[in-house]
Amino acid sequence: MEKLKLSEQDIVNALCLYIADKKQINPSDIGIELMWDEEYGFSASAAENGRSQILIQANMIEAIRFWLQHELNRDPFAASLELELDDDEGIIAFATYHR
């Protein structure tokens, strides 16, 4: 079993690349704010060109899978993904690959 830890910055990068790919814009034109709410769980706010949108946890997982495939050249569907709220590191994710 291999477990990859994704930092908050990795998650932000994944979301930027994912949105940029979908909208055919530059990833650096996108601003991301990660959020956690006791009632709603994990989400993110994405802003680009004066527009904003809320991404739910499922969108975040999809973006992380996109990042695993395109940035790490890993099979994005072979990993189980889990988001966590860490007191010191903020919102992090784990990608666990079972052999």
C-alpha atoms as a PDB file:
ATOM      1  CA  MET A   1       0.000   0.000   0.000  1.00  0.00           C
ATOM      2  CA  GLU A   2       1.285   3.441  -0.939  1.00  0.00           C
ATOM      3  CA  LYS A   3      -0.156   6.578   0.642  1.00  0.00           C
ATOM      4  CA  LEU A   4       0.465  10.017  -0.876  1.00  0.00           C
ATOM      5  CA  LYS A   5      -0.187  13.098   1.216  1.00  0.00           C
ATOM      6  CA  LEU A   6      -1.374  16.181  -0.668  1.00  0.00           C
ATOM      7  CA  SER A   7      -0.840  19.518   1.012  1.00  0.00           C
ATOM      8  CA  GLU A   8      -3.320  22.359   0.976  1.00  0.00           C
ATOM      9  CA  GLN A   9      -1.243  23.949  -1.810  1.00  0.00           C
ATOM     10  CA  ASP A  10      -1.410  20.709  -3.825  1.00  0.00           C
ATOM     11  CA  ILE A  11      -5.213  20.786  -3.545  1.00  0.00           C
ATOM     12  CA  VAL A  12      -5.324  24.450  -4.601  1.00  0.00           C
ATOM     13  CA  ASN A  13      -3.050  23.655  -7.562  1.00  0.00           C
ATOM     14  CA  ALA A  14      -5.247  20.701  -8.524  1.00  0.00           C
ATOM     15  CA  LEU A  15      -8.352  22.887  -8.490  1.00  0.00           C
ATOM     16  CA  CYS A  16      -6.659  25.605 -10.551  1.00  0.00           C
ATOM     17  CA  LEU A  17      -5.503  23.118 -13.202  1.00  0.00           C
ATOM     18  CA  TYR A  18      -8.876  21.369 -13.267  1.00  0.00           C
ATOM     19  CA  ILE A  19     -10.856  24.599 -13.731  1.00  0.00           C
ATOM     20  CA  ALA A  20      -8.349  25.992 -16.225  1.00  0.00           C
ATOM     21  CA  ASP A  21      -8.667  22.836 -18.314  1.00  0.00           C
ATOM     22  CA  LYS A  22     -12.464  22.970 -18.265  1.00  0.00           C
ATOM     23  CA  LYS A  23     -12.659  26.696 -19.100  1.00  0.00           C
ATOM     24  CA  GLN A  24      -9.588  26.834 -21.357  1.00  0.00           C
ATOM     25  CA  ILE A  25      -7.956  29.630 -19.338  1.00  0.00           C
ATOM     26  CA  ASN A  26      -4.609  30.105 -17.605  1.00  0.00           C
ATOM     27  CA  PRO A  27      -4.400  28.415 -14.164  1.00  0.00           C
ATOM     28  CA  SER A  28      -2.745  31.540 -12.741  1.00  0.00           C
ATOM     29  CA  ASP A  29      -5.946  33.497 -13.490  1.00  0.00           C
ATOM     30  CA  ILE A  30      -7.867  31.477 -10.913  1.00  0.00           C
ATOM     31  CA  GLY A  31      -8.090  32.180  -7.187  1.00  0.00           C
ATOM     32  CA  ILE A  32      -9.068  29.382  -4.827  1.00  0.00           C
ATOM     33  CA  GLU A  33     -10.222  29.434  -1.211  1.00  0.00           C
ATOM     34  CA  LEU A  34     -10.622  26.070   0.509  1.00  0.00           C
ATOM     35  CA  MET A  35     -13.402  25.785   3.081  1.00  0.00           C
ATOM     36  CA  TRP A  36     -14.739  23.387   5.650  1.00  0.00           C
ATOM     37  CA  ASP A  37     -18.085  23.648   7.369  1.00  0.00           C
ATOM     38  CA  GLU A  38     -19.469  21.338  10.029  1.00  0.00           C
ATOM     39  CA  GLU A  39     -22.801  21.135   8.224  1.00  0.00           C
ATOM     40  CA  TYR A  40     -21.636  21.020   4.577  1.00  0.00           C
ATOM     41  CA  GLY A  41     -18.175  19.465   4.818  1.00  0.00           C
ATOM     42  CA  PHE A  42     -15.409  20.366   2.363  1.00  0.00           C
ATOM     43  CA  SER A  43     -15.847  22.871  -0.432  1.00  0.00           C
ATOM     44  CA  ALA A  44     -13.903  25.535  -2.303  1.00  0.00           C
ATOM     45  CA  SER A  45     -14.610  28.927  -3.753  1.00  0.00           C
ATOM     46  CA  ALA A  46     -13.072  29.588  -7.168  1.00  0.00           C
ATOM     47  CA  ALA A  47     -12.804  33.072  -8.665  1.00  0.00           C
ATOM     48  CA  GLU A  48     -11.753  33.965 -12.208  1.00  0.00           C
ATOM     49  CA  ASN A  49     -12.405  36.966 -14.433  1.00  0.00           C
ATOM     50  CA  GLY A  50     -14.776  38.536 -11.892  1.00  0.00           C
ATOM     51  CA  ARG A  51     -16.876  35.392 -11.589  1.00  0.00           C
ATOM     52  CA  SER A  52     -16.997  33.012  -8.689  1.00  0.00           C
ATOM     53  CA  GLN A  53     -18.320  29.527  -8.154  1.00  0.00           C
ATOM     54  CA  ILE A  54     -18.565  27.092  -5.279  1.00  0.00           C
ATOM     55  CA  LEU A  55     -17.093  23.636  -5.751  1.00  0.00           C
ATOM     56  CA  ILE A  56     -18.425  20.814  -3.607  1.00  0.00           C
ATOM     57  CA  GLN A  57     -16.382  17.917  -2.252  1.00  0.00           C
ATOM     58  CA  ALA A  58     -17.115  15.770  -5.314  1.00  0.00           C
ATOM     59  CA  ASN A  59     -15.635  18.498  -7.549  1.00  0.00           C
ATOM     60  CA  MET A  60     -12.563  18.642  -5.319  1.00  0.00           C
ATOM     61  CA  ILE A  61     -12.073  14.875  -5.583  1.00  0.00           C
ATOM     62  CA  GLU A  62     -12.462  15.075  -9.375  1.00  0.00           C
ATOM     63  CA  ALA A  63      -9.841  17.854  -9.483  1.00  0.00           C
ATOM     64  CA  ILE A  64      -7.426  15.805  -7.366  1.00  0.00           C
ATOM     65  CA  ARG A  65      -7.871  12.841  -9.722  1.00  0.00           C
ATOM     66  CA  PHE A  66      -7.151  15.191 -12.673  1.00  0.00           C
ATOM     67  CA  TRP A  67      -3.988  16.405 -10.881  1.00  0.00           C
ATOM     68  CA  LEU A  68      -2.826  12.843 -10.079  1.00  0.00           C
ATOM     69  CA  GLN A  69      -3.133  11.894 -13.744  1.00  0.00           C
ATOM     70  CA  HIS A  70      -1.701  15.014 -15.367  1.00  0.00           C
ATOM     71  CA  GLU A  71       0.927  16.143 -12.860  1.00  0.00           C
ATOM     72  CA  LEU A  72       2.086  12.878 -11.260  1.00  0.00           C
ATOM     73  CA  ASN A  73       1.318  10.524 -14.166  1.00  0.00           C
ATOM     74  CA  ARG A  74      -0.540   8.224 -11.784  1.00  0.00           C
ATOM     75  CA  ASP A  75      -3.695   6.231 -12.392  1.00  0.00           C
ATOM     76  CA  PRO A  76      -6.317   8.563 -10.900  1.00  0.00           C
ATOM     77  CA  PHE A  77      -8.907   5.857 -10.355  1.00  0.00           C
ATOM     78  CA  ALA A  78      -6.624   3.327  -8.672  1.00  0.00           C
ATOM     79  CA  ALA A  79      -6.392   5.531  -5.586  1.00  0.00           C
ATOM     80  CA  SER A  80      -8.914   5.969  -2.827  1.00  0.00           C
ATOM     81  CA  LEU A  81      -9.053   9.648  -1.914  1.00  0.00           C
ATOM     82  CA  GLU A  82      -9.813  11.191   1.446  1.00  0.00           C
ATOM     83  CA  LEU A  83      -9.949  14.839   2.465  1.00  0.00           C
ATOM     84  CA  GLU A  84      -9.058  15.747   6.048  1.00  0.00           C
ATOM     85  CA  LEU A  85      -9.050  18.854   8.180  1.00  0.00           C
ATOM     86  CA  ASP A  86      -5.735  19.029  10.052  1.00  0.00           C
ATOM     87  CA  ASP A  87      -5.242  21.459  12.946  1.00  0.00           C
ATOM     88  CA  ASP A  88      -1.745  22.413  11.789  1.00  0.00           C
ATOM     89  CA  GLU A  89      -1.816  21.927   8.014  1.00  0.00           C
ATOM     90  CA  GLY A  90      -5.375  22.943   7.125  1.00  0.00           C
ATOM     91  CA  ILE A  91      -7.215  20.927   4.496  1.00  0.00           C
ATOM     92  CA  ILE A  92      -5.122  18.054   3.213  1.00  0.00           C
ATOM     93  CA  ALA A  93      -5.834  14.934   1.181  1.00  0.00           C
ATOM     94  CA  PHE A  94      -4.554  11.389   1.100  1.00  0.00           C
ATOM     95  CA  ALA A  95      -4.399   9.241  -2.022  1.00  0.00           C
ATOM     96  CA  THR A  96      -4.022   5.602  -1.088  1.00  0.00           C
ATOM     97  CA  TYR A  97      -2.937   3.109  -3.721  1.00  0.00           C
ATOM     98  CA  HIS A  98      -3.562  -0.537  -2.900  1.00  0.00           C
ATOM     99  CA  ARG A  99      -1.319  -2.900  -4.784  1.00  0.00           C
END
